[in-house]
């Protein structure tokens, strides 16, 4: 299956022939996970429980345990993630106030281990 290529916060991507670009397999799953993590709960009208709301946590005191828990819960509902394999979520902060969330999971279509990093201030 394929989907339109769209990374959260960016525009739709065009091919060299000016058609809308599509993605599939591991890249499609990666884009879906980023959208899920960056969508605020209640922001998707047809699925009010969809979304981790990570951007809404920016500017608040970082609670690594809460962020890790929210990301783990969202990864458990993502169809592109092989739920029979472990998902690892590591949240760290820097002295400058940034937080970094590293996620490792197995893509259900390609059966390859994927790494995803989300970083915010």
PDB file of N, CA and C in Angstrom:
ATOM      1  N   UNK A   1       0.844  -1.171   0.000  1.00  0.00           N
ATOM      2  CA  UNK A   1       0.000   0.000   0.000  1.00  0.00           C
ATOM      3  C   UNK A   1       0.892   1.239   0.000  1.00  0.00           C
ATOM      4  N   UNK A   2       0.397   2.324  -0.531  1.00  0.00           N
ATOM      5  CA  UNK A   2       1.165   3.565  -0.522  1.00  0.00           C
ATOM      6  C   UNK A   2       0.273   4.717  -0.074  1.00  0.00           C
ATOM      7  N   UNK A   3       0.927   5.816   0.294  1.00  0.00           N
ATOM      8  CA  UNK A   3       0.217   7.007   0.765  1.00  0.00           C
ATOM      9  C   UNK A   3       0.932   8.233   0.215  1.00  0.00           C
ATOM     10  N   UNK A   4       0.263   9.377   0.275  1.00  0.00           N
ATOM     11  CA  UNK A   4       0.913  10.623  -0.122  1.00  0.00           C
ATOM     12  C   UNK A   4       2.086  10.895   0.804  1.00  0.00           C
ATOM     13  N   UNK A   5       3.182  11.364   0.240  1.00  0.00           N
ATOM     14  CA  UNK A   5       4.347  11.701   1.038  1.00  0.00           C
ATOM     15  C   UNK A   5       4.104  13.040   1.721  1.00  0.00           C
ATOM     16  N   UNK A   6       4.097  13.020   3.049  1.00  0.00           N
ATOM     17  CA  UNK A   6       3.882  14.258   3.800  1.00  0.00           C
ATOM     18  C   UNK A   6       4.498  14.120   5.183  1.00  0.00           C
ATOM     19  N   UNK A   7       5.543  14.882   5.417  1.00  0.00           N
ATOM     20  CA  UNK A   7       6.156  14.919   6.732  1.00  0.00           C
ATOM     21  C   UNK A   7       5.501  16.041   7.518  1.00  0.00           C
ATOM     22  N   UNK A   8       5.141  15.761   8.750  1.00  0.00           N
ATOM     23  CA  UNK A   8       4.438  16.723   9.595  1.00  0.00           C
ATOM     24  C   UNK A   8       5.191  18.058   9.597  1.00  0.00           C
ATOM     25  N   UNK A   9       4.449  19.122   9.407  1.00  0.00           N
ATOM     26  CA  UNK A   9       5.021  20.459   9.389  1.00  0.00           C
ATOM     27  C   UNK A   9       5.521  20.905   8.029  1.00  0.00           C
ATOM     28  N   UNK A  10       5.466  20.020   7.053  1.00  0.00           N
ATOM     29  CA  UNK A  10       5.952  20.356   5.719  1.00  0.00           C
ATOM     30  C   UNK A  10       4.831  20.345   4.701  1.00  0.00           C
ATOM     31  N   UNK A  11       5.185  20.628   3.478  1.00  0.00           N
ATOM     32  CA  UNK A  11       4.228  20.615   2.380  1.00  0.00           C
ATOM     33  C   UNK A  11       4.187  19.236   1.742  1.00  0.00           C
ATOM     34  N   UNK A  12       3.160  19.004   0.943  1.00  0.00           N
ATOM     35  CA  UNK A  12       3.128  17.798   0.127  1.00  0.00           C
ATOM     36  C   UNK A  12       4.304  17.851  -0.839  1.00  0.00           C
ATOM     37  N   UNK A  13       4.809  16.701  -1.212  1.00  0.00           N
ATOM     38  CA  UNK A  13       5.983  16.614  -2.070  1.00  0.00           C
ATOM     39  C   UNK A  13       5.542  16.299  -3.493  1.00  0.00           C
ATOM     40  N   UNK A  14       6.175  16.974  -4.456  1.00  0.00           N
ATOM     41  CA  UNK A  14       5.892  16.711  -5.869  1.00  0.00           C
ATOM     42  C   UNK A  14       7.036  15.921  -6.491  1.00  0.00           C
ATOM     43  N   UNK A  15       6.702  15.063  -7.450  1.00  0.00           N
ATOM     44  CA  UNK A  15       7.720  14.354  -8.217  1.00  0.00           C
ATOM     45  C   UNK A  15       8.262  15.290  -9.285  1.00  0.00           C
ATOM     46  N   UNK A  16       9.269  14.855 -10.020  1.00  0.00           N
ATOM     47  CA  UNK A  16       9.818  15.681 -11.098  1.00  0.00           C
ATOM     48  C   UNK A  16       8.789  15.923 -12.193  1.00  0.00           C
ATOM     49  N   UNK A  17       7.788  15.054 -12.306  1.00  0.00           N
ATOM     50  CA  UNK A  17       6.723  15.233 -13.291  1.00  0.00           C
ATOM     51  C   UNK A  17       5.552  16.027 -12.755  1.00  0.00           C
ATOM     52  N   UNK A  18       5.713  16.659 -11.596  1.00  0.00           N
ATOM     53  CA  UNK A  18       4.700  17.505 -10.958  1.00  0.00           C
ATOM     54  C   UNK A  18       3.494  16.730 -10.444  1.00  0.00           C
ATOM     55  N   UNK A  19       3.654  15.438 -10.221  1.00  0.00           N
ATOM     56  CA  UNK A  19       2.598  14.644  -9.585  1.00  0.00           C
ATOM     57  C   UNK A  19       2.867  14.610  -8.083  1.00  0.00           C
ATOM     58  N   UNK A  20       1.852  14.294  -7.306  1.00  0.00           N
ATOM     59  CA  UNK A  20       2.052  14.157  -5.871  1.00  0.00           C
ATOM     60  C   UNK A  20       2.878  12.906  -5.594  1.00  0.00           C
ATOM     61  N   UNK A  21       3.929  13.057  -4.812  1.00  0.00           N
ATOM     62  CA  UNK A  21       4.804  11.934  -4.479  1.00  0.00           C
ATOM     63  C   UNK A  21       4.114  11.014  -3.482  1.00  0.00           C
ATOM     64  N   UNK A  22       4.418   9.742  -3.579  1.00  0.00           N
ATOM     65  CA  UNK A  22       3.876   8.759  -2.648  1.00  0.00           C
ATOM     66  C   UNK A  22       5.019   8.050  -1.931  1.00  0.00           C
ATOM     67  N   UNK A  23       4.689   7.436  -0.816  1.00  0.00           N
ATOM     68  CA  UNK A  23       5.639   6.624  -0.059  1.00  0.00           C
ATOM     69  C   UNK A  23       4.971   5.296   0.256  1.00  0.00           C
ATOM     70  N   UNK A  24       5.786   4.310   0.568  1.00  0.00           N
ATOM     71  CA  UNK A  24       5.253   3.012   0.967  1.00  0.00           C
ATOM     72  C   UNK A  24       6.229   2.359   1.935  1.00  0.00           C
ATOM     73  N   UNK A  25       5.828   1.224   2.456  1.00  0.00           N
ATOM     74  CA  UNK A  25       6.662   0.401   3.323  1.00  0.00           C
ATOM     75  C   UNK A  25       7.188   1.183   4.528  1.00  0.00           C
ATOM     76  N   UNK A  26       8.491   1.067   4.808  1.00  0.00           N
ATOM     77  CA  UNK A  26       9.061   1.643   6.027  1.00  0.00           C
ATOM     78  C   UNK A  26       8.944   3.165   6.075  1.00  0.00           C
ATOM     79  N   UNK A  27       9.086   3.845   4.942  1.00  0.00           N
ATOM     80  CA  UNK A  27       8.972   5.313   4.935  1.00  0.00           C
ATOM     81  C   UNK A  27       7.540   5.749   5.220  1.00  0.00           C
ATOM     82  N   UNK A  28       6.569   5.017   4.711  1.00  0.00           N
ATOM     83  CA  UNK A  28       5.169   5.334   5.008  1.00  0.00           C
ATOM     84  C   UNK A  28       4.907   5.201   6.506  1.00  0.00           C
ATOM     85  N   UNK A  29       5.410   4.128   7.102  1.00  0.00           N
ATOM     86  CA  UNK A  29       5.232   3.930   8.544  1.00  0.00           C
ATOM     87  C   UNK A  29       5.912   5.042   9.329  1.00  0.00           C
ATOM     88  N   UNK A  30       7.125   5.424   8.944  1.00  0.00           N
ATOM     89  CA  UNK A  30       7.852   6.498   9.639  1.00  0.00           C
ATOM     90  C   UNK A  30       7.060   7.793   9.609  1.00  0.00           C
ATOM     91  N   UNK A  31       6.511   8.152   8.447  1.00  0.00           N
ATOM     92  CA  UNK A  31       5.724   9.378   8.342  1.00  0.00           C
ATOM     93  C   UNK A  31       4.444   9.283   9.174  1.00  0.00           C
ATOM     94  N   UNK A  32       3.810   8.111   9.192  1.00  0.00           N
ATOM     95  CA  UNK A  32       2.594   7.933   9.998  1.00  0.00           C
ATOM     96  C   UNK A  32       2.897   8.089  11.484  1.00  0.00           C
ATOM     97  N   UNK A  33       4.028   7.546  11.928  1.00  0.00           N
ATOM     98  CA  UNK A  33       4.403   7.655  13.341  1.00  0.00           C
ATOM     99  C   UNK A  33       4.667   9.113  13.705  1.00  0.00           C
ATOM    100  N   UNK A  34       5.408   9.834  12.873  1.00  0.00           N
ATOM    101  CA  UNK A  34       5.666  11.251  13.160  1.00  0.00           C
ATOM    102  C   UNK A  34       4.371  12.048  13.240  1.00  0.00           C
ATOM    103  N   UNK A  35       3.433  11.791  12.326  1.00  0.00           N
ATOM    104  CA  UNK A  35       2.139  12.493  12.386  1.00  0.00           C
ATOM    105  C   UNK A  35       1.415  12.149  13.682  1.00  0.00           C
ATOM    106  N   UNK A  36       1.432  10.882  14.060  1.00  0.00           N
ATOM    107  CA  UNK A  36       0.765  10.446  15.293  1.00  0.00           C
ATOM    108  C   UNK A  36       1.382  11.129  16.510  1.00  0.00           C
ATOM    109  N   UNK A  37       2.704  11.167  16.576  1.00  0.00           N
ATOM    110  CA  UNK A  37       3.376  11.756  17.735  1.00  0.00           C
ATOM    111  C   UNK A  37       3.184  13.263  17.811  1.00  0.00           C
ATOM    112  N   UNK A  38       3.031  13.915  16.657  1.00  0.00           N
ATOM    113  CA  UNK A  38       2.910  15.379  16.629  1.00  0.00           C
ATOM    114  C   UNK A  38       1.473  15.881  16.595  1.00  0.00           C
ATOM    115  N   UNK A  39       0.499  14.986  16.530  1.00  0.00           N
ATOM    116  CA  UNK A  39      -0.909  15.389  16.537  1.00  0.00           C
ATOM    117  C   UNK A  39      -1.403  15.430  17.978  1.00  0.00           C
ATOM    118  N   UNK A  40      -2.072  16.517  18.339  1.00  0.00           N
ATOM    119  CA  UNK A  40      -2.636  16.618  19.682  1.00  0.00           C
ATOM    120  C   UNK A  40      -3.868  15.736  19.803  1.00  0.00           C
ATOM    121  N   UNK A  41      -4.048  15.066  20.954  1.00  0.00           N
ATOM    122  CA  UNK A  41      -5.270  14.280  21.147  1.00  0.00           C
ATOM    123  C   UNK A  41      -6.495  15.167  20.926  1.00  0.00           C
ATOM    124  N   UNK A  42      -7.460  14.648  20.189  1.00  0.00           N
ATOM    125  CA  UNK A  42      -8.656  15.416  19.864  1.00  0.00           C
ATOM    126  C   UNK A  42      -8.514  16.220  18.588  1.00  0.00           C
ATOM    127  N   UNK A  43      -7.313  16.261  18.019  1.00  0.00           N
ATOM    128  CA  UNK A  43      -7.072  17.035  16.812  1.00  0.00           C
ATOM    129  C   UNK A  43      -7.510  16.350  15.528  1.00  0.00           C
ATOM    130  N   UNK A  44      -7.783  15.075  15.599  1.00  0.00           N
ATOM    131  CA  UNK A  44      -8.237  14.306  14.441  1.00  0.00           C
ATOM    132  C   UNK A  44      -9.697  13.968  14.723  1.00  0.00           C
ATOM    133  N   UNK A  45     -10.607  14.709  14.120  1.00  0.00           N
ATOM    134  CA  UNK A  45     -12.017  14.670  14.501  1.00  0.00           C
ATOM    135  C   UNK A  45     -12.664  13.301  14.441  1.00  0.00           C
ATOM    136  N   UNK A  46     -12.198  12.432  13.561  1.00  0.00           N
ATOM    137  CA  UNK A  46     -12.837  11.122  13.427  1.00  0.00           C
ATOM    138  C   UNK A  46     -12.265  10.100  14.394  1.00  0.00           C
ATOM    139  N   UNK A  47     -11.144  10.419  15.023  1.00  0.00           N
ATOM    140  CA  UNK A  47     -10.507   9.520  15.995  1.00  0.00           C
ATOM    141  C   UNK A  47      -9.957  10.385  17.126  1.00  0.00           C
ATOM    142  N   UNK A  48     -10.787  10.719  18.081  1.00  0.00           N
ATOM    143  CA  UNK A  48     -10.411  11.673  19.121  1.00  0.00           C
ATOM    144  C   UNK A  48      -9.285  11.186  20.025  1.00  0.00           C
ATOM    145  N   UNK A  49      -9.052   9.871  20.082  1.00  0.00           N
ATOM    146  CA  UNK A  49      -7.977   9.348  20.924  1.00  0.00           C
ATOM    147  C   UNK A  49      -6.641   9.242  20.177  1.00  0.00           C
ATOM    148  N   UNK A  50      -6.620   9.659  18.901  1.00  0.00           N
ATOM    149  CA  UNK A  50      -5.410   9.591  18.075  1.00  0.00           C
ATOM    150  C   UNK A  50      -4.473  10.733  18.450  1.00  0.00           C
ATOM    151  N   UNK A  51      -3.212  10.437  18.581  1.00  0.00           N
ATOM    152  CA  UNK A  51      -2.208  11.477  18.770  1.00  0.00           C
ATOM    153  C   UNK A  51      -1.567  11.474  20.144  1.00  0.00           C
ATOM    154  N   UNK A  52      -0.262  11.760  20.145  1.00  0.00           N
ATOM    155  CA  UNK A  52       0.503  11.811  21.390  1.00  0.00           C
ATOM    156  C   UNK A  52       0.596  13.220  21.952  1.00  0.00           C
ATOM    157  N   UNK A  53       0.510  14.230  21.097  1.00  0.00           N
ATOM    158  CA  UNK A  53       0.574  15.609  21.562  1.00  0.00           C
ATOM    159  C   UNK A  53       1.949  16.066  22.004  1.00  0.00           C
ATOM    160  N   UNK A  54       3.018  15.520  21.425  1.00  0.00           N
ATOM    161  CA  UNK A  54       4.362  15.935  21.842  1.00  0.00           C
ATOM    162  C   UNK A  54       4.603  17.432  21.699  1.00  0.00           C
ATOM    163  N   UNK A  55       4.171  18.096  20.615  1.00  0.00           N
ATOM    164  CA  UNK A  55       4.406  19.541  20.529  1.00  0.00           C
ATOM    165  C   UNK A  55       3.752  20.327  21.673  1.00  0.00           C
ATOM    166  N   UNK A  56       2.640  19.847  22.204  1.00  0.00           N
ATOM    167  CA  UNK A  56       1.974  20.536  23.309  1.00  0.00           C
ATOM    168  C   UNK A  56       2.778  20.431  24.603  1.00  0.00           C
ATOM    169  N   UNK A  57       3.722  19.496  24.655  1.00  0.00           N
ATOM    170  CA  UNK A  57       4.555  19.335  25.848  1.00  0.00           C
ATOM    171  C   UNK A  57       5.745  20.285  25.841  1.00  0.00           C
ATOM    172  N   UNK A  58       6.021  20.899  24.688  1.00  0.00           N
ATOM    173  CA  UNK A  58       7.140  21.837  24.577  1.00  0.00           C
ATOM    174  C   UNK A  58       6.831  23.066  25.423  1.00  0.00           C
ATOM    175  N   UNK A  59       7.815  23.522  26.178  1.00  0.00           N
ATOM    176  CA  UNK A  59       7.638  24.691  27.028  1.00  0.00           C
ATOM    177  C   UNK A  59       7.255  24.337  28.452  1.00  0.00           C
ATOM    178  N   UNK A  60       6.901  23.084  28.679  1.00  0.00           N
ATOM    179  CA  UNK A  60       6.591  22.617  30.030  1.00  0.00           C
ATOM    180  C   UNK A  60       7.835  21.940  30.597  1.00  0.00           C
ATOM    181  N   UNK A  61       7.852  21.773  31.916  1.00  0.00           N
ATOM    182  CA  UNK A  61       8.952  21.030  32.519  1.00  0.00           C
ATOM    183  C   UNK A  61       8.953  19.618  31.946  1.00  0.00           C
ATOM    184  N   UNK A  62      10.115  19.173  31.477  1.00  0.00           N
ATOM    185  CA  UNK A  62      10.190  17.872  30.829  1.00  0.00           C
ATOM    186  C   UNK A  62      10.032  16.755  31.847  1.00  0.00           C
ATOM    187  N   UNK A  63       9.132  15.852  31.564  1.00  0.00           N
ATOM    188  CA  UNK A  63       8.929  14.658  32.371  1.00  0.00           C
ATOM    189  C   UNK A  63       9.190  13.469  31.455  1.00  0.00           C
ATOM    190  N   UNK A  64      10.423  12.958  31.514  1.00  0.00           N
ATOM    191  CA  UNK A  64      10.834  11.886  30.602  1.00  0.00           C
ATOM    192  C   UNK A  64       9.930  10.671  30.722  1.00  0.00           C
ATOM    193  N   UNK A  65       9.503  10.336  31.927  1.00  0.00           N
ATOM    194  CA  UNK A  65       8.637   9.174  32.123  1.00  0.00           C
ATOM    195  C   UNK A  65       7.299   9.323  31.424  1.00  0.00           C
ATOM    196  N   UNK A  66       6.710  10.514  31.500  1.00  0.00           N
ATOM    197  CA  UNK A  66       5.426  10.765  30.835  1.00  0.00           C
ATOM    198  C   UNK A  66       5.578  10.696  29.326  1.00  0.00           C
ATOM    199  N   UNK A  67       6.615  11.337  28.801  1.00  0.00           N
ATOM    200  CA  UNK A  67       6.838  11.321  27.352  1.00  0.00           C
ATOM    201  C   UNK A  67       7.053   9.893  26.871  1.00  0.00           C
ATOM    202  N   UNK A  68       7.876   9.144  27.588  1.00  0.00           N
ATOM    203  CA  UNK A  68       8.149   7.758  27.204  1.00  0.00           C
ATOM    204  C   UNK A  68       6.871   6.925  27.222  1.00  0.00           C
ATOM    205  N   UNK A  69       6.063   7.101  28.231  1.00  0.00           N
ATOM    206  CA  UNK A  69       4.808   6.358  28.344  1.00  0.00           C
ATOM    207  C   UNK A  69       3.840   6.693  27.214  1.00  0.00           C
ATOM    208  N   UNK A  70       3.699   7.978  26.914  1.00  0.00           N
ATOM    209  CA  UNK A  70       2.791   8.413  25.843  1.00  0.00           C
ATOM    210  C   UNK A  70       3.249   7.856  24.498  1.00  0.00           C
ATOM    211  N   UNK A  71       4.550   7.920  24.231  1.00  0.00           N
ATOM    212  CA  UNK A  71       5.070   7.407  22.960  1.00  0.00           C
ATOM    213  C   UNK A  71       4.865   5.897  22.879  1.00  0.00           C
ATOM    214  N   UNK A  72       5.132   5.173  23.958  1.00  0.00           N
ATOM    215  CA  UNK A  72       4.923   3.715  23.976  1.00  0.00           C
ATOM    216  C   UNK A  72       3.466   3.373  23.685  1.00  0.00           C
ATOM    217  N   UNK A  73       2.536   4.100  24.301  1.00  0.00           N
ATOM    218  CA  UNK A  73       1.109   3.846  24.075  1.00  0.00           C
ATOM    219  C   UNK A  73       0.736   4.074  22.617  1.00  0.00           C
ATOM    220  N   UNK A  74       1.240   5.134  22.021  1.00  0.00           N
ATOM    221  CA  UNK A  74       0.919   5.428  20.627  1.00  0.00           C
ATOM    222  C   UNK A  74       1.553   4.412  19.680  1.00  0.00           C
ATOM    223  N   UNK A  75       2.763   3.970  19.970  1.00  0.00           N
ATOM    224  CA  UNK A  75       3.416   2.960  19.129  1.00  0.00           C
ATOM    225  C   UNK A  75       2.645   1.643  19.171  1.00  0.00           C
ATOM    226  N   UNK A  76       2.009   1.364  20.294  1.00  0.00           N
ATOM    227  CA  UNK A  76       1.234   0.125  20.434  1.00  0.00           C
ATOM    228  C   UNK A  76      -0.032   0.139  19.587  1.00  0.00           C
ATOM    229  N   UNK A  77      -0.447   1.296  19.109  1.00  0.00           N
ATOM    230  CA  UNK A  77      -1.661   1.381  18.290  1.00  0.00           C
ATOM    231  C   UNK A  77      -1.358   1.605  16.812  1.00  0.00           C
ATOM    232  N   UNK A  78      -0.087   1.707  16.459  1.00  0.00           N
ATOM    233  CA  UNK A  78       0.290   1.981  15.069  1.00  0.00           C
ATOM    234  C   UNK A  78       0.380   0.678  14.274  1.00  0.00           C
ATOM    235  N   UNK A  79      -0.432   0.567  13.233  1.00  0.00           N
ATOM    236  CA  UNK A  79      -0.513  -0.675  12.455  1.00  0.00           C
ATOM    237  C   UNK A  79       0.773  -1.008  11.706  1.00  0.00           C
ATOM    238  N   UNK A  80       1.591  -0.039  11.410  1.00  0.00           N
ATOM    239  CA  UNK A  80       2.833  -0.289  10.683  1.00  0.00           C
ATOM    240  C   UNK A  80       3.965  -0.802  11.550  1.00  0.00           C
ATOM    241  N   UNK A  81       3.715  -0.889  12.858  1.00  0.00           N
ATOM    242  CA  UNK A  81       4.722  -1.372  13.800  1.00  0.00           C
ATOM    243  C   UNK A  81       4.403  -2.821  14.148  1.00  0.00           C
ATOM    244  N   UNK A  82       5.395  -3.704  14.013  1.00  0.00           N
ATOM    245  CA  UNK A  82       5.215  -5.118  14.362  1.00  0.00           C
ATOM    246  C   UNK A  82       5.074  -5.224  15.880  1.00  0.00           C
ATOM    247  N   UNK A  83       3.870  -5.526  16.328  1.00  0.00           N
ATOM    248  CA  UNK A  83       3.584  -5.554  17.762  1.00  0.00           C
ATOM    249  C   UNK A  83       4.144  -6.794  18.459  1.00  0.00           C
ATOM    250  N   UNK A  84       4.667  -7.759  17.693  1.00  0.00           N
ATOM    251  CA  UNK A  84       5.279  -8.944  18.308  1.00  0.00           C
ATOM    252  C   UNK A  84       6.748  -8.706  18.643  1.00  0.00           C
ATOM    253  N   UNK A  85       7.283  -7.575  18.211  1.00  0.00           N
ATOM    254  CA  UNK A  85       8.686  -7.235  18.453  1.00  0.00           C
ATOM    255  C   UNK A  85       8.766  -6.059  19.431  1.00  0.00           C
ATOM    256  N   UNK A  86       9.866  -5.970  20.179  1.00  0.00           N
ATOM    257  CA  UNK A  86       9.971  -4.884  21.163  1.00  0.00           C
ATOM    258  C   UNK A  86      10.078  -3.504  20.517  1.00  0.00           C
ATOM    259  N   UNK A  87       9.499  -2.538  21.203  1.00  0.00           N
ATOM    260  CA  UNK A  87       9.631  -1.126  20.842  1.00  0.00           C
ATOM    261  C   UNK A  87      10.413  -0.469  21.975  1.00  0.00           C
ATOM    262  N   UNK A  88      11.478   0.223  21.627  1.00  0.00           N
ATOM    263  CA  UNK A  88      12.305   0.884  22.627  1.00  0.00           C
ATOM    264  C   UNK A  88      12.142   2.390  22.489  1.00  0.00           C
ATOM    265  N   UNK A  89      11.849   3.049  23.611  1.00  0.00           N
ATOM    266  CA  UNK A  89      11.706   4.506  23.630  1.00  0.00           C
ATOM    267  C   UNK A  89      12.657   5.048  24.694  1.00  0.00           C
ATOM    268  N   UNK A  90      13.556   5.930  24.280  1.00  0.00           N
ATOM    269  CA  UNK A  90      14.501   6.546  25.202  1.00  0.00           C
ATOM    270  C   UNK A  90      14.339   8.056  25.106  1.00  0.00           C
ATOM    271  N   UNK A  91      14.127   8.696  26.248  1.00  0.00           N
ATOM    272  CA  UNK A  91      13.960  10.149  26.293  1.00  0.00           C
ATOM    273  C   UNK A  91      15.103  10.736  27.109  1.00  0.00           C
ATOM    274  N   UNK A  92      15.795  11.701  26.519  1.00  0.00           N
ATOM    275  CA  UNK A  92      16.902  12.363  27.206  1.00  0.00           C
ATOM    276  C   UNK A  92      16.744  13.871  27.068  1.00  0.00           C
ATOM    277  N   UNK A  93      17.381  14.587  27.976  1.00  0.00           N
ATOM    278  CA  UNK A  93      17.373  16.051  27.890  1.00  0.00           C
ATOM    279  C   UNK A  93      18.813  16.544  27.858  1.00  0.00           C
ATOM    280  N   UNK A  94      18.970  17.749  27.335  1.00  0.00           N
ATOM    281  CA  UNK A  94      20.293  18.355  27.268  1.00  0.00           C
ATOM    282  C   UNK A  94      20.328  19.548  28.214  1.00  0.00           C
ATOM    283  N   UNK A  95      21.515  19.982  28.618  1.00  0.00           N
ATOM    284  CA  UNK A  95      21.606  21.155  29.492  1.00  0.00           C
ATOM    285  C   UNK A  95      20.986  22.408  28.875  1.00  0.00           C
ATOM    286  N   UNK A  96      20.907  22.459  27.550  1.00  0.00           N
ATOM    287  CA  UNK A  96      20.340  23.644  26.891  1.00  0.00           C
ATOM    288  C   UNK A  96      18.811  23.623  26.856  1.00  0.00           C
ATOM    289  N   UNK A  97      18.197  22.570  27.398  1.00  0.00           N
ATOM    290  CA  UNK A  97      16.742  22.529  27.472  1.00  0.00           C
ATOM    291  C   UNK A  97      16.060  21.748  26.372  1.00  0.00           C
ATOM    292  N   UNK A  98      16.818  21.140  25.468  1.00  0.00           N
ATOM    293  CA  UNK A  98      16.215  20.313  24.424  1.00  0.00           C
ATOM    294  C   UNK A  98      15.852  18.947  24.991  1.00  0.00           C
ATOM    295  N   UNK A  99      14.813  18.346  24.425  1.00  0.00           N
ATOM    296  CA  UNK A  99      14.596  16.944  24.743  1.00  0.00           C
ATOM    297  C   UNK A  99      14.644  16.157  23.457  1.00  0.00           C
ATOM    298  N   UNK A 100      15.127  14.942  23.584  1.00  0.00           N
ATOM    299  CA  UNK A 100      15.288  14.065  22.430  1.00  0.00           C
ATOM    300  C   UNK A 100      14.618  12.743  22.752  1.00  0.00           C
ATOM    301  N   UNK A 101      13.827  12.277  21.809  1.00  0.00           N
ATOM    302  CA  UNK A 101      13.116  11.012  21.957  1.00  0.00           C
ATOM    303  C   UNK A 101      13.576  10.084  20.838  1.00  0.00           C
ATOM    304  N   UNK A 102      14.242   9.002  21.203  1.00  0.00           N
ATOM    305  CA  UNK A 102      14.709   8.005  20.237  1.00  0.00           C
ATOM    306  C   UNK A 102      13.811   6.780  20.336  1.00  0.00           C
ATOM    307  N   UNK A 103      13.278   6.363  19.193  1.00  0.00           N
ATOM    308  CA  UNK A 103      12.364   5.225  19.139  1.00  0.00           C
ATOM    309  C   UNK A 103      12.947   4.184  18.193  1.00  0.00           C
ATOM    310  N   UNK A 104      12.967   2.941  18.635  1.00  0.00           N
ATOM    311  CA  UNK A 104      13.392   1.831  17.794  1.00  0.00           C
ATOM    312  C   UNK A 104      12.234   0.844  17.729  1.00  0.00           C
ATOM    313  N   UNK A 105      11.885   0.419  16.512  1.00  0.00           N
ATOM    314  CA  UNK A 105      10.753  -0.486  16.317  1.00  0.00           C
ATOM    315  C   UNK A 105      11.000  -1.334  15.078  1.00  0.00           C
ATOM    316  N   UNK A 106      10.210  -2.380  14.907  1.00  0.00           N
ATOM    317  CA  UNK A 106      10.291  -3.221  13.716  1.00  0.00           C
ATOM    318  C   UNK A 106       9.124  -2.890  12.809  1.00  0.00           C
ATOM    319  N   UNK A 107       9.430  -2.549  11.552  1.00  0.00           N
ATOM    320  CA  UNK A 107       8.393  -2.254  10.569  1.00  0.00           C
ATOM    321  C   UNK A 107       7.665  -3.550  10.225  1.00  0.00           C
ATOM    322  N   UNK A 108       6.339  -3.517  10.265  1.00  0.00           N
ATOM    323  CA  UNK A 108       5.558  -4.741  10.055  1.00  0.00           C
ATOM    324  C   UNK A 108       5.599  -5.241   8.614  1.00  0.00           C
ATOM    325  N   UNK A 109       5.803  -4.355   7.651  1.00  0.00           N
ATOM    326  CA  UNK A 109       5.834  -4.785   6.246  1.00  0.00           C
ATOM    327  C   UNK A 109       7.206  -5.296   5.825  1.00  0.00           C
ATOM    328  N   UNK A 110       8.256  -4.583   6.205  1.00  0.00           N
ATOM    329  CA  UNK A 110       9.600  -4.953   5.753  1.00  0.00           C
ATOM    330  C   UNK A 110      10.337  -5.841   6.746  1.00  0.00           C
ATOM    331  N   UNK A 111       9.819  -5.934   7.991  1.00  0.00           N
ATOM    332  CA  UNK A 111      10.463  -6.693   9.065  1.00  0.00           C
ATOM    333  C   UNK A 111      11.891  -6.220   9.325  1.00  0.00           C
ATOM    334  N   UNK A 112      12.113  -4.922   9.152  1.00  0.00           N
ATOM    335  CA  UNK A 112      13.416  -4.341   9.448  1.00  0.00           C
ATOM    336  C   UNK A 112      13.295  -3.439  10.666  1.00  0.00           C
ATOM    337  N   UNK A 113      14.361  -3.387  11.443  1.00  0.00           N
ATOM    338  CA  UNK A 113      14.382  -2.511  12.611  1.00  0.00           C
ATOM    339  C   UNK A 113      14.594  -1.086  12.121  1.00  0.00           C
ATOM    340  N   UNK A 114      13.752  -0.191  12.597  1.00  0.00           N
ATOM    341  CA  UNK A 114      13.783   1.212  12.191  1.00  0.00           C
ATOM    342  C   UNK A 114      14.101   2.084  13.400  1.00  0.00           C
ATOM    343  N   UNK A 115      14.780   3.187  13.155  1.00  0.00           N
ATOM    344  CA  UNK A 115      15.094   4.158  14.204  1.00  0.00           C
ATOM    345  C   UNK A 115      14.460   5.490  13.835  1.00  0.00           C
ATOM    346  N   UNK A 116      13.877   6.126  14.820  1.00  0.00           N
ATOM    347  CA  UNK A 116      13.204   7.408  14.622  1.00  0.00           C
ATOM    348  C   UNK A 116      13.616   8.328  15.761  1.00  0.00           C
ATOM    349  N   UNK A 117      13.951   9.569  15.446  1.00  0.00           N
ATOM    350  CA  UNK A 117      14.329  10.540  16.468  1.00  0.00           C
ATOM    351  C   UNK A 117      13.445  11.762  16.348  1.00  0.00           C
ATOM    352  N   UNK A 118      12.935  12.215  17.501  1.00  0.00           N
ATOM    353  CA  UNK A 118      12.142  13.439  17.578  1.00  0.00           C
ATOM    354  C   UNK A 118      12.841  14.325  18.588  1.00  0.00           C
ATOM    355  N   UNK A 119      13.107  15.570  18.214  1.00  0.00           N
ATOM    356  CA  UNK A 119      13.805  16.488  19.106  1.00  0.00           C
ATOM    357  C   UNK A 119      13.079  17.813  19.143  1.00  0.00           C
ATOM    358  N   UNK A 120      12.942  18.383  20.325  1.00  0.00           N
ATOM    359  CA  UNK A 120      12.259  19.670  20.475  1.00  0.00           C
ATOM    360  C   UNK A 120      12.864  20.425  21.646  1.00  0.00           C
ATOM    361  N   UNK A 121      12.559  21.723  21.687  1.00  0.00           N
ATOM    362  CA  UNK A 121      13.059  22.550  22.794  1.00  0.00           C
ATOM    363  C   UNK A 121      11.946  22.847  23.760  1.00  0.00           C
TER     364      UNK A 121
END
